[in-house]
Structures are given as C-alpha cells and as structure tokens.
Amino acid sequence: MLRYLFFALLMLHGAIHLAGFFTPVAGRVMAIDRAPGIYWAACSILFGLSALLLALHEKHWAWVALLAALSSQLLISSAWDQARFGTILNVVIVFAILALLFVKEAPVMFRD
C-alpha cells in the first residue's frame, strides 16, 4: 500500500515540475523559457523515472528519487517565491528515502 502512495507522490511531484517548463515569458501565455525550463523538465523526468523504477521493484529507485529531490530543491531555491511549497514534498521524499536506506525494517513496508 505504501509503495503505491509513494509512487503517486513521486509522479505528482514530477507533474508539478512541468509547470516550471511551461512558464509565461514576457506576457505570452505558455511560452517556454528554454534554459530554466529544460532543468524543470529534466527534474520532472527524474521523478517519473524513479516512480517507474519503484513500480518495477528495481533496487536503485531510491537513489534516483534522492537525486530528483535534491535537484528539485536547487530549482525551487532559484524560484523561491513561486515554488517554495515544493520544499515540503522534497522533505517528505528525502526523509522517506533515508528511512528506507538506513532502517532495516523499513523496506518491509514497501513490499507487495
């Protein structure tokens, strides 16, 4: 059950990062500011990849999710006024991953 909730959290956070890809530039609707937009899209892909690896029971999904959360936090800090609430999701993701990596009993929660 927790595996599916965490999968949904990773996918949701990745989808939210797509909003950074499609940003209004100079008053135009849905224009793409390429440089930062590419970083937001790459972070979204990392979250999607980590969710896919989690669903496929791959053992390295946690490292990809940790990389996604840390790069997400760097992006959020660059757009703090608009994206500061993403920090809450990043903290939840990082703490869950650290619990899974360093507590022996925790991975049992993520089995089917």
PDB file of N, CA and C in Angstrom:
ATOM      1  N   MET A   1       0.819  -1.200   0.000  1.00  0.00           N
ATOM      2  CA  MET A   1       0.000   0.000   0.000  1.00  0.00           C
ATOM      3  C   MET A   1       0.863   1.264   0.000  1.00  0.00           C
ATOM      4  N   LEU A   2       1.893   1.308   0.884  1.00  0.00           N
ATOM      5  CA  LEU A   2       2.744   2.482   0.944  1.00  0.00           C
ATOM      6  C   LEU A   2       3.552   2.671  -0.341  1.00  0.00           C
ATOM      7  N   ARG A   3       3.854   1.556  -0.996  1.00  0.00           N
ATOM      8  CA  ARG A   3       4.570   1.640  -2.271  1.00  0.00           C
ATOM      9  C   ARG A   3       3.748   2.436  -3.277  1.00  0.00           C
ATOM     10  N   TYR A   4       2.446   2.194  -3.325  1.00  0.00           N
ATOM     11  CA  TYR A   4       1.581   2.885  -4.283  1.00  0.00           C
ATOM     12  C   TYR A   4       1.406   4.358  -3.927  1.00  0.00           C
ATOM     13  N   LEU A   5       1.333   4.661  -2.652  1.00  0.00           N
ATOM     14  CA  LEU A   5       1.228   6.052  -2.226  1.00  0.00           C
ATOM     15  C   LEU A   5       2.505   6.824  -2.557  1.00  0.00           C
ATOM     16  N   PHE A   6       3.640   6.187  -2.341  1.00  0.00           N
ATOM     17  CA  PHE A   6       4.903   6.848  -2.651  1.00  0.00           C
ATOM     18  C   PHE A   6       5.068   7.003  -4.160  1.00  0.00           C
ATOM     19  N   PHE A   7       4.624   6.007  -4.922  1.00  0.00           N
ATOM     20  CA  PHE A   7       4.619   6.101  -6.383  1.00  0.00           C
ATOM     21  C   PHE A   7       3.802   7.317  -6.818  1.00  0.00           C
ATOM     22  N   ALA A   8       2.611   7.469  -6.238  1.00  0.00           N
ATOM     23  CA  ALA A   8       1.737   8.599  -6.583  1.00  0.00           C
ATOM     24  C   ALA A   8       2.381   9.927  -6.193  1.00  0.00           C
ATOM     25  N   LEU A   9       3.052   9.976  -5.045  1.00  0.00           N
ATOM     26  CA  LEU A   9       3.726  11.201  -4.609  1.00  0.00           C
ATOM     27  C   LEU A   9       4.841  11.583  -5.582  1.00  0.00           C
ATOM     28  N   LEU A  10       5.634  10.617  -6.007  1.00  0.00           N
ATOM     29  CA  LEU A  10       6.709  10.892  -6.963  1.00  0.00           C
ATOM     30  C   LEU A  10       6.152  11.373  -8.300  1.00  0.00           C
ATOM     31  N   MET A  11       5.097  10.737  -8.774  1.00  0.00           N
ATOM     32  CA  MET A  11       4.500  11.134 -10.049  1.00  0.00           C
ATOM     33  C   MET A  11       3.873  12.525  -9.953  1.00  0.00           C
ATOM     34  N   LEU A  12       3.197  12.800  -8.850  1.00  0.00           N
ATOM     35  CA  LEU A  12       2.570  14.114  -8.659  1.00  0.00           C
ATOM     36  C   LEU A  12       3.625  15.213  -8.615  1.00  0.00           C
ATOM     37  N   HIS A  13       4.683  14.977  -7.864  1.00  0.00           N
ATOM     38  CA  HIS A  13       5.726  15.991  -7.759  1.00  0.00           C
ATOM     39  C   HIS A  13       6.420  16.201  -9.110  1.00  0.00           C
ATOM     40  N   GLY A  14       6.605  15.121  -9.848  1.00  0.00           N
ATOM     41  CA  GLY A  14       7.171  15.251 -11.192  1.00  0.00           C
ATOM     42  C   GLY A  14       6.261  16.037 -12.118  1.00  0.00           C
ATOM     43  N   ALA A  15       4.950  15.804 -12.014  1.00  0.00           N
ATOM     44  CA  ALA A  15       3.990  16.535 -12.849  1.00  0.00           C
ATOM     45  C   ALA A  15       3.970  18.020 -12.490  1.00  0.00           C
ATOM     46  N   ILE A  16       4.115  18.323 -11.223  1.00  0.00           N
ATOM     47  CA  ILE A  16       4.146  19.722 -10.794  1.00  0.00           C
ATOM     48  C   ILE A  16       5.379  20.424 -11.366  1.00  0.00           C
ATOM     49  N   HIS A  17       6.468  19.699 -11.498  1.00  0.00           N
ATOM     50  CA  HIS A  17       7.678  20.295 -12.071  1.00  0.00           C
ATOM     51  C   HIS A  17       7.489  20.696 -13.526  1.00  0.00           C
ATOM     52  N   LEU A  18       6.543  20.099 -14.193  1.00  0.00           N
ATOM     53  CA  LEU A  18       6.277  20.503 -15.573  1.00  0.00           C
ATOM     54  C   LEU A  18       5.760  21.932 -15.670  1.00  0.00           C
ATOM     55  N   ALA A  19       5.189  22.430 -14.575  1.00  0.00           N
ATOM     56  CA  ALA A  19       4.742  23.826 -14.561  1.00  0.00           C
ATOM     57  C   ALA A  19       5.918  24.776 -14.717  1.00  0.00           C
ATOM     58  N   GLY A  20       7.090  24.370 -14.234  1.00  0.00           N
ATOM     59  CA  GLY A  20       8.283  25.181 -14.422  1.00  0.00           C
ATOM     60  C   GLY A  20       8.766  25.170 -15.858  1.00  0.00           C
ATOM     61  N   PHE A  21       8.387  24.141 -16.601  1.00  0.00           N
ATOM     62  CA  PHE A  21       8.756  24.048 -18.011  1.00  0.00           C
ATOM     63  C   PHE A  21       7.909  24.994 -18.845  1.00  0.00           C
ATOM     64  N   PHE A  22       6.607  25.047 -18.540  1.00  0.00           N
ATOM     65  CA  PHE A  22       5.674  25.922 -19.263  1.00  0.00           C
ATOM     66  C   PHE A  22       5.419  27.165 -18.426  1.00  0.00           C
ATOM     67  N   THR A  23       6.221  28.181 -18.626  1.00  0.00           N
ATOM     68  CA  THR A  23       6.063  29.406 -17.842  1.00  0.00           C
ATOM     69  C   THR A  23       5.779  30.579 -18.766  1.00  0.00           C
ATOM     70  N   PRO A  24       4.977  31.510 -18.292  1.00  0.00           N
ATOM     71  CA  PRO A  24       4.743  32.715 -19.102  1.00  0.00           C
ATOM     72  C   PRO A  24       6.012  33.551 -19.188  1.00  0.00           C
ATOM     73  N   VAL A  25       6.362  33.960 -20.395  1.00  0.00           N
ATOM     74  CA  VAL A  25       7.543  34.796 -20.605  1.00  0.00           C
ATOM     75  C   VAL A  25       7.101  36.040 -21.361  1.00  0.00           C
ATOM     76  N   ALA A  26       7.388  37.178 -20.797  1.00  0.00           N
ATOM     77  CA  ALA A  26       7.110  38.469 -21.438  1.00  0.00           C
ATOM     78  C   ALA A  26       5.643  38.605 -21.826  1.00  0.00           C
ATOM     79  N   GLY A  27       4.747  38.132 -20.982  1.00  0.00           N
ATOM     80  CA  GLY A  27       3.324  38.303 -21.225  1.00  0.00           C
ATOM     81  C   GLY A  27       2.700  37.291 -22.166  1.00  0.00           C
ATOM     82  N   ARG A  28       3.498  36.446 -22.787  1.00  0.00           N
ATOM     83  CA  ARG A  28       2.936  35.430 -23.682  1.00  0.00           C
ATOM     84  C   ARG A  28       2.495  34.224 -22.857  1.00  0.00           C
ATOM     85  N   VAL A  29       1.384  33.651 -23.224  1.00  0.00           N
ATOM     86  CA  VAL A  29       0.856  32.502 -22.494  1.00  0.00           C
ATOM     87  C   VAL A  29       1.551  31.236 -22.985  1.00  0.00           C
ATOM     88  N   MET A  30       1.999  30.403 -22.044  1.00  0.00           N
ATOM     89  CA  MET A  30       2.594  29.092 -22.310  1.00  0.00           C
ATOM     90  C   MET A  30       3.835  29.164 -23.192  1.00  0.00           C
ATOM     91  N   ALA A  31       4.560  30.238 -23.109  1.00  0.00           N
ATOM     92  CA  ALA A  31       5.830  30.308 -23.826  1.00  0.00           C
ATOM     93  C   ALA A  31       6.882  29.556 -23.020  1.00  0.00           C
ATOM     94  N   ILE A  32       7.892  29.087 -23.671  1.00  0.00           N
ATOM     95  CA  ILE A  32       8.914  28.302 -22.997  1.00  0.00           C
ATOM     96  C   ILE A  32      10.177  29.137 -22.847  1.00  0.00           C
ATOM     97  N   ASP A  33      10.596  29.339 -21.615  1.00  0.00           N
ATOM     98  CA  ASP A  33      11.895  29.941 -21.350  1.00  0.00           C
ATOM     99  C   ASP A  33      12.870  28.773 -21.312  1.00  0.00           C
ATOM    100  N   ARG A  34      13.676  28.631 -22.314  1.00  0.00           N
ATOM    101  CA  ARG A  34      14.393  27.390 -22.561  1.00  0.00           C
ATOM    102  C   ARG A  34      15.366  26.974 -21.469  1.00  0.00           C
ATOM    103  N   ALA A  35      16.234  27.840 -21.020  1.00  0.00           N
ATOM    104  CA  ALA A  35      17.277  27.413 -20.094  1.00  0.00           C
ATOM    105  C   ALA A  35      16.713  26.876 -18.781  1.00  0.00           C
ATOM    106  N   PRO A  36      15.959  27.657 -18.018  1.00  0.00           N
ATOM    107  CA  PRO A  36      15.415  27.093 -16.782  1.00  0.00           C
ATOM    108  C   PRO A  36      14.357  26.029 -17.052  1.00  0.00           C
ATOM    109  N   GLY A  37      13.623  26.187 -18.131  1.00  0.00           N
ATOM    110  CA  GLY A  37      12.573  25.228 -18.450  1.00  0.00           C
ATOM    111  C   GLY A  37      13.108  23.831 -18.682  1.00  0.00           C
ATOM    112  N   ILE A  38      14.265  23.722 -19.291  1.00  0.00           N
ATOM    113  CA  ILE A  38      14.883  22.419 -19.528  1.00  0.00           C
ATOM    114  C   ILE A  38      15.239  21.759 -18.199  1.00  0.00           C
ATOM    115  N   TYR A  39      15.728  22.532 -17.243  1.00  0.00           N
ATOM    116  CA  TYR A  39      16.068  21.979 -15.929  1.00  0.00           C
ATOM    117  C   TYR A  39      14.826  21.470 -15.205  1.00  0.00           C
ATOM    118  N   TRP A  40      13.730  22.233 -15.286  1.00  0.00           N
ATOM    119  CA  TRP A  40      12.485  21.799 -14.651  1.00  0.00           C
ATOM    120  C   TRP A  40      11.972  20.521 -15.309  1.00  0.00           C
ATOM    121  N   ALA A  41      12.065  20.424 -16.627  1.00  0.00           N
ATOM    122  CA  ALA A  41      11.616  19.226 -17.335  1.00  0.00           C
ATOM    123  C   ALA A  41      12.503  18.023 -17.000  1.00  0.00           C
ATOM    124  N   ALA A  42      13.809  18.247 -16.889  1.00  0.00           N
ATOM    125  CA  ALA A  42      14.721  17.155 -16.537  1.00  0.00           C
ATOM    126  C   ALA A  42      14.429  16.629 -15.140  1.00  0.00           C
ATOM    127  N   CYS A  43      14.119  17.525 -14.232  1.00  0.00           N
ATOM    128  CA  CYS A  43      13.771  17.105 -12.872  1.00  0.00           C
ATOM    129  C   CYS A  43      12.458  16.324 -12.877  1.00  0.00           C
ATOM    130  N   SER A  44      11.525  16.745 -13.696  1.00  0.00           N
ATOM    131  CA  SER A  44      10.266  16.015 -13.835  1.00  0.00           C
ATOM    132  C   SER A  44      10.511  14.611 -14.362  1.00  0.00           C
ATOM    133  N   ILE A  45      11.411  14.486 -15.323  1.00  0.00           N
ATOM    134  CA  ILE A  45      11.751  13.172 -15.864  1.00  0.00           C
ATOM    135  C   ILE A  45      12.420  12.305 -14.802  1.00  0.00           C
ATOM    136  N   LEU A  46      13.260  12.895 -13.973  1.00  0.00           N
ATOM    137  CA  LEU A  46      13.889  12.126 -12.892  1.00  0.00           C
ATOM    138  C   LEU A  46      12.856  11.585 -11.916  1.00  0.00           C
ATOM    139  N   PHE A  47      11.861  12.392 -11.568  1.00  0.00           N
ATOM    140  CA  PHE A  47      10.810  11.914 -10.675  1.00  0.00           C
ATOM    141  C   PHE A  47       9.997  10.802 -11.332  1.00  0.00           C
ATOM    142  N   GLY A  48       9.690  10.958 -12.612  1.00  0.00           N
ATOM    143  CA  GLY A  48       8.961   9.917 -13.319  1.00  0.00           C
ATOM    144  C   GLY A  48       9.757   8.633 -13.417  1.00  0.00           C
ATOM    145  N   LEU A  49      11.057   8.753 -13.675  1.00  0.00           N
ATOM    146  CA  LEU A  49      11.915   7.573 -13.754  1.00  0.00           C
ATOM    147  C   LEU A  49      12.005   6.864 -12.415  1.00  0.00           C
ATOM    148  N   SER A  50      12.139   7.624 -11.340  1.00  0.00           N
ATOM    149  CA  SER A  50      12.217   6.998 -10.021  1.00  0.00           C
ATOM    150  C   SER A  50      10.906   6.301  -9.667  1.00  0.00           C
ATOM    151  N   ALA A  51       9.779   6.893 -10.052  1.00  0.00           N
ATOM    152  CA  ALA A  51       8.487   6.244  -9.803  1.00  0.00           C
ATOM    153  C   ALA A  51       8.364   4.958 -10.621  1.00  0.00           C
ATOM    154  N   LEU A  52       8.829   4.986 -11.860  1.00  0.00           N
ATOM    155  CA  LEU A  52       8.795   3.788 -12.700  1.00  0.00           C
ATOM    156  C   LEU A  52       9.681   2.693 -12.131  1.00  0.00           C
ATOM    157  N   LEU A  53      10.880   3.062 -11.689  1.00  0.00           N
ATOM    158  CA  LEU A  53      11.778   2.077 -11.089  1.00  0.00           C
ATOM    159  C   LEU A  53      11.193   1.504  -9.801  1.00  0.00           C
ATOM    160  N   LEU A  54      10.512   2.332  -9.029  1.00  0.00           N
ATOM    161  CA  LEU A  54       9.839   1.852  -7.823  1.00  0.00           C
ATOM    162  C   LEU A  54       8.754   0.848  -8.180  1.00  0.00           C
ATOM    163  N   ALA A  55       7.973   1.151  -9.199  1.00  0.00           N
ATOM    164  CA  ALA A  55       6.891   0.253  -9.610  1.00  0.00           C
ATOM    165  C   ALA A  55       7.429  -1.069 -10.151  1.00  0.00           C
ATOM    166  N   LEU A  56       8.610  -1.022 -10.754  1.00  0.00           N
ATOM    167  CA  LEU A  56       9.205  -2.229 -11.320  1.00  0.00           C
ATOM    168  C   LEU A  56      10.075  -2.987 -10.319  1.00  0.00           C
ATOM    169  N   HIS A  57      10.078  -2.532  -9.070  1.00  0.00           N
ATOM    170  CA  HIS A  57      10.826  -3.179  -7.987  1.00  0.00           C
ATOM    171  C   HIS A  57      12.336  -3.188  -8.243  1.00  0.00           C
ATOM    172  N   GLU A  58      12.833  -2.168  -8.920  1.00  0.00           N
ATOM    173  CA  GLU A  58      14.274  -2.046  -9.136  1.00  0.00           C
ATOM    174  C   GLU A  58      14.917  -1.534  -7.857  1.00  0.00           C
ATOM    175  N   LYS A  59      16.090  -2.037  -7.526  1.00  0.00           N
ATOM    176  CA  LYS A  59      16.686  -1.699  -6.240  1.00  0.00           C
ATOM    177  C   LYS A  59      17.303  -0.302  -6.182  1.00  0.00           C
ATOM    178  N   HIS A  60      17.553   0.327  -7.309  1.00  0.00           N
ATOM    179  CA  HIS A  60      18.198   1.641  -7.308  1.00  0.00           C
ATOM    180  C   HIS A  60      17.216   2.803  -7.451  1.00  0.00           C
ATOM    181  N   TRP A  61      15.927   2.549  -7.307  1.00  0.00           N
ATOM    182  CA  TRP A  61      14.940   3.616  -7.458  1.00  0.00           C
ATOM    183  C   TRP A  61      15.157   4.711  -6.411  1.00  0.00           C
ATOM    184  N   ALA A  62      15.592   4.335  -5.210  1.00  0.00           N
ATOM    185  CA  ALA A  62      15.733   5.314  -4.123  1.00  0.00           C
ATOM    186  C   ALA A  62      16.821   6.324  -4.438  1.00  0.00           C
ATOM    187  N   TRP A  63      17.901   5.893  -5.080  1.00  0.00           N
ATOM    188  CA  TRP A  63      18.989   6.813  -5.408  1.00  0.00           C
ATOM    189  C   TRP A  63      18.557   7.793  -6.486  1.00  0.00           C
ATOM    190  N   VAL A  64      17.763   7.323  -7.437  1.00  0.00           N
ATOM    191  CA  VAL A  64      17.253   8.222  -8.482  1.00  0.00           C
ATOM    192  C   VAL A  64      16.276   9.224  -7.865  1.00  0.00           C
ATOM    193  N   ALA A  65      15.431   8.757  -6.954  1.00  0.00           N
ATOM    194  CA  ALA A  65      14.482   9.650  -6.284  1.00  0.00           C
ATOM    195  C   ALA A  65      15.209  10.664  -5.409  1.00  0.00           C
ATOM    196  N   LEU A  66      16.277  10.247  -4.764  1.00  0.00           N
ATOM    197  CA  LEU A  66      17.062  11.171  -3.948  1.00  0.00           C
ATOM    198  C   LEU A  66      17.717  12.236  -4.825  1.00  0.00           C
ATOM    199  N   LEU A  67      18.262  11.837  -5.954  1.00  0.00           N
ATOM    200  CA  LEU A  67      18.833  12.801  -6.906  1.00  0.00           C
ATOM    201  C   LEU A  67      17.765  13.759  -7.413  1.00  0.00           C
ATOM    202  N   ALA A  68      16.575  13.241  -7.695  1.00  0.00           N
ATOM    203  CA  ALA A  68      15.475  14.086  -8.165  1.00  0.00           C
ATOM    204  C   ALA A  68      15.066  15.098  -7.098  1.00  0.00           C
ATOM    205  N   ALA A  69      14.962  14.663  -5.851  1.00  0.00           N
ATOM    206  CA  ALA A  69      14.546  15.564  -4.778  1.00  0.00           C
ATOM    207  C   ALA A  69      15.595  16.645  -4.515  1.00  0.00           C
ATOM    208  N   LEU A  70      16.861  16.280  -4.560  1.00  0.00           N
ATOM    209  CA  LEU A  70      17.910  17.267  -4.318  1.00  0.00           C
ATOM    210  C   LEU A  70      18.008  18.276  -5.463  1.00  0.00           C
ATOM    211  N   SER A  71      17.904  17.802  -6.687  1.00  0.00           N
ATOM    212  CA  SER A  71      17.924  18.749  -7.813  1.00  0.00           C
ATOM    213  C   SER A  71      16.652  19.589  -7.827  1.00  0.00           C
ATOM    214  N   SER A  72      15.552  19.007  -7.391  1.00  0.00           N
ATOM    215  CA  SER A  72      14.308  19.761  -7.268  1.00  0.00           C
ATOM    216  C   SER A  72      14.457  20.902  -6.275  1.00  0.00           C
ATOM    217  N   GLN A  73      15.125  20.632  -5.168  1.00  0.00           N
ATOM    218  CA  GLN A  73      15.304  21.678  -4.165  1.00  0.00           C
ATOM    219  C   GLN A  73      16.197  22.803  -4.680  1.00  0.00           C
ATOM    220  N   LEU A  74      17.183  22.465  -5.486  1.00  0.00           N
ATOM    221  CA  LEU A  74      18.009  23.519  -6.101  1.00  0.00           C
ATOM    222  C   LEU A  74      17.173  24.398  -7.019  1.00  0.00           C
ATOM    223  N   LEU A  75      16.304  23.784  -7.801  1.00  0.00           N
ATOM    224  CA  LEU A  75      15.432  24.557  -8.685  1.00  0.00           C
ATOM    225  C   LEU A  75      14.447  25.407  -7.893  1.00  0.00           C
ATOM    226  N   ILE A  76      13.906  24.838  -6.833  1.00  0.00           N
ATOM    227  CA  ILE A  76      12.945  25.569  -6.002  1.00  0.00           C
ATOM    228  C   ILE A  76      13.614  26.790  -5.375  1.00  0.00           C
ATOM    229  N   SER A  77      14.857  26.627  -4.955  1.00  0.00           N
ATOM    230  CA  SER A  77      15.550  27.777  -4.348  1.00  0.00           C
ATOM    231  C   SER A  77      15.789  28.892  -5.361  1.00  0.00           C
ATOM    232  N   SER A  78      15.867  28.546  -6.640  1.00  0.00           N
ATOM    233  CA  SER A  78      16.049  29.581  -7.656  1.00  0.00           C
ATOM    234  C   SER A  78      14.751  30.311  -7.982  1.00  0.00           C
ATOM    235  N   ALA A  79      13.620  29.725  -7.648  1.00  0.00           N
ATOM    236  CA  ALA A  79      12.314  30.357  -7.889  1.00  0.00           C
ATOM    237  C   ALA A  79      11.497  30.296  -6.605  1.00  0.00           C
ATOM    238  N   TRP A  80      12.094  30.737  -5.514  1.00  0.00           N
ATOM    239  CA  TRP A  80      11.521  30.547  -4.180  1.00  0.00           C
ATOM    240  C   TRP A  80      10.123  31.153  -4.039  1.00  0.00           C
ATOM    241  N   ASP A  81       9.886  32.332  -4.560  1.00  0.00           N
ATOM    242  CA  ASP A  81       8.588  32.996  -4.392  1.00  0.00           C
ATOM    243  C   ASP A  81       7.438  32.174  -4.956  1.00  0.00           C
ATOM    244  N   GLN A  82       7.665  31.506  -6.071  1.00  0.00           N
ATOM    245  CA  GLN A  82       6.591  30.762  -6.720  1.00  0.00           C
ATOM    246  C   GLN A  82       6.565  29.286  -6.325  1.00  0.00           C
ATOM    247  N   ALA A  83       7.704  28.719  -5.935  1.00  0.00           N
ATOM    248  CA  ALA A  83       7.781  27.260  -5.784  1.00  0.00           C
ATOM    249  C   ALA A  83       8.150  26.801  -4.379  1.00  0.00           C
ATOM    250  N   ARG A  84       8.065  27.670  -3.396  1.00  0.00           N
ATOM    251  CA  ARG A  84       8.551  27.319  -2.060  1.00  0.00           C
ATOM    252  C   ARG A  84       7.826  26.153  -1.413  1.00  0.00           C
ATOM    253  N   PHE A  85       6.561  25.921  -1.773  1.00  0.00           N
ATOM    254  CA  PHE A  85       5.810  24.843  -1.141  1.00  0.00           C
ATOM    255  C   PHE A  85       6.257  23.457  -1.621  1.00  0.00           C
ATOM    256  N   GLY A  86       7.013  23.410  -2.710  1.00  0.00           N
ATOM    257  CA  GLY A  86       7.584  22.143  -3.160  1.00  0.00           C
ATOM    258  C   GLY A  86       8.620  21.606  -2.190  1.00  0.00           C
ATOM    259  N   THR A  87       9.148  22.479  -1.347  1.00  0.00           N
ATOM    260  CA  THR A  87      10.110  22.057  -0.334  1.00  0.00           C
ATOM    261  C   THR A  87       9.494  21.027   0.603  1.00  0.00           C
ATOM    262  N   ILE A  88       8.230  21.176   0.913  1.00  0.00           N
ATOM    263  CA  ILE A  88       7.547  20.230   1.799  1.00  0.00           C
ATOM    264  C   ILE A  88       7.564  18.833   1.191  1.00  0.00           C
ATOM    265  N   LEU A  89       7.238  18.737  -0.097  1.00  0.00           N
ATOM    266  CA  LEU A  89       7.264  17.430  -0.762  1.00  0.00           C
ATOM    267  C   LEU A  89       8.677  16.868  -0.828  1.00  0.00           C
ATOM    268  N   ASN A  90       9.651  17.715  -1.079  1.00  0.00           N
ATOM    269  CA  ASN A  90      11.031  17.242  -1.127  1.00  0.00           C
ATOM    270  C   ASN A  90      11.490  16.707   0.222  1.00  0.00           C
ATOM    271  N   VAL A  91      11.112  17.375   1.302  1.00  0.00           N
ATOM    272  CA  VAL A  91      11.481  16.913   2.636  1.00  0.00           C
ATOM    273  C   VAL A  91      10.838  15.558   2.929  1.00  0.00           C
ATOM    274  N   VAL A  92       9.576  15.400   2.579  1.00  0.00           N
ATOM    275  CA  VAL A  92       8.895  14.120   2.789  1.00  0.00           C
ATOM    276  C   VAL A  92       9.586  13.017   1.994  1.00  0.00           C
ATOM    277  N   ILE A  93       9.914  13.292   0.753  1.00  0.00           N
ATOM    278  CA  ILE A  93      10.564  12.295  -0.099  1.00  0.00           C
ATOM    279  C   ILE A  93      11.944  11.925   0.442  1.00  0.00           C
ATOM    280  N   VAL A  94      12.731  12.917   0.829  1.00  0.00           N
ATOM    281  CA  VAL A  94      14.082  12.641   1.336  1.00  0.00           C
ATOM    282  C   VAL A  94      14.030  11.869   2.645  1.00  0.00           C
ATOM    283  N   PHE A  95      13.152  12.251   3.567  1.00  0.00           N
ATOM    284  CA  PHE A  95      13.060  11.520   4.832  1.00  0.00           C
ATOM    285  C   PHE A  95      12.589  10.080   4.621  1.00  0.00           C
ATOM    286  N   ALA A  96      11.656   9.857   3.718  1.00  0.00           N
ATOM    287  CA  ALA A  96      11.199   8.502   3.435  1.00  0.00           C
ATOM    288  C   ALA A  96      12.325   7.665   2.836  1.00  0.00           C
ATOM    289  N   ILE A  97      13.084   8.251   1.940  1.00  0.00           N
ATOM    290  CA  ILE A  97      14.199   7.526   1.321  1.00  0.00           C
ATOM    291  C   ILE A  97      15.278   7.221   2.353  1.00  0.00           C
ATOM    292  N   LEU A  98      15.612   8.185   3.192  1.00  0.00           N
ATOM    293  CA  LEU A  98      16.613   7.937   4.220  1.00  0.00           C
ATOM    294  C   LEU A  98      16.158   6.860   5.192  1.00  0.00           C
ATOM    295  N   ALA A  99      14.881   6.848   5.524  1.00  0.00           N
ATOM    296  CA  ALA A  99      14.361   5.786   6.391  1.00  0.00           C
ATOM    297  C   ALA A  99      14.485   4.436   5.712  1.00  0.00           C
ATOM    298  N   LEU A 100      14.197   4.388   4.421  1.00  0.00           N
ATOM    299  CA  LEU A 100      14.298   3.123   3.698  1.00  0.00           C
ATOM    300  C   LEU A 100      15.733   2.649   3.556  1.00  0.00           C
ATOM    301  N   LEU A 101      16.666   3.568   3.444  1.00  0.00           N
ATOM    302  CA  LEU A 101      18.059   3.191   3.242  1.00  0.00           C
ATOM    303  C   LEU A 101      18.771   2.807   4.531  1.00  0.00           C
ATOM    304  N   PHE A 102      18.374   3.411   5.642  1.00  0.00           N
ATOM    305  CA  PHE A 102      19.146   3.222   6.862  1.00  0.00           C
ATOM    306  C   PHE A 102      18.434   2.473   7.985  1.00  0.00           C
ATOM    307  N   VAL A 103      17.176   2.139   7.801  1.00  0.00           N
ATOM    308  CA  VAL A 103      16.456   1.376   8.817  1.00  0.00           C
ATOM    309  C   VAL A 103      16.158   0.011   8.230  1.00  0.00           C
ATOM    310  N   LYS A 104      16.618  -1.038   8.876  1.00  0.00           N
ATOM    311  CA  LYS A 104      16.480  -2.378   8.305  1.00  0.00           C
ATOM    312  C   LYS A 104      15.028  -2.825   8.136  1.00  0.00           C
ATOM    313  N   GLU A 105      14.152  -2.457   9.041  1.00  0.00           N
ATOM    314  CA  GLU A 105      12.763  -2.912   8.974  1.00  0.00           C
ATOM    315  C   GLU A 105      11.928  -2.130   7.993  1.00  0.00           C
ATOM    316  N   ALA A 106      12.354  -0.929   7.605  1.00  0.00           N
ATOM    317  CA  ALA A 106      11.549  -0.054   6.757  1.00  0.00           C
ATOM    318  C   ALA A 106      11.227  -0.627   5.381  1.00  0.00           C
ATOM    319  N   PRO A 107      12.164  -1.311   4.690  1.00  0.00           N
ATOM    320  CA  PRO A 107      11.814  -1.807   3.352  1.00  0.00           C
ATOM    321  C   PRO A 107      10.655  -2.803   3.332  1.00  0.00           C
ATOM    322  N   VAL A 108      10.350  -3.411   4.472  1.00  0.00           N
ATOM    323  CA  VAL A 108       9.221  -4.344   4.530  1.00  0.00           C
ATOM    324  C   VAL A 108       7.916  -3.618   4.167  1.00  0.00           C
ATOM    325  N   MET A 109       7.836  -2.346   4.525  1.00  0.00           N
ATOM    326  CA  MET A 109       6.614  -1.576   4.240  1.00  0.00           C
ATOM    327  C   MET A 109       6.387  -1.417   2.755  1.00  0.00           C
ATOM    328  N   PHE A 110       7.426  -1.521   1.952  1.00  0.00           N
ATOM    329  CA  PHE A 110       7.293  -1.275   0.529  1.00  0.00           C
ATOM    330  C   PHE A 110       7.186  -2.567  -0.281  1.00  0.00           C
ATOM    331  N   ARG A 111       7.039  -3.691   0.370  1.00  0.00           N
ATOM    332  CA  ARG A 111       6.806  -4.946  -0.352  1.00  0.00           C
ATOM    333  C   ARG A 111       5.325  -5.063  -0.668  1.00  0.00           C
ATOM    334  N   ASP A 112       5.041  -5.848  -1.678  1.00  0.00           N
ATOM    335  CA  ASP A 112       3.621  -6.079  -2.045  1.00  0.00           C
ATOM    336  C   ASP A 112       2.944  -6.992  -1.064  1.00  0.00           C
TER     337      ASP A 112
END
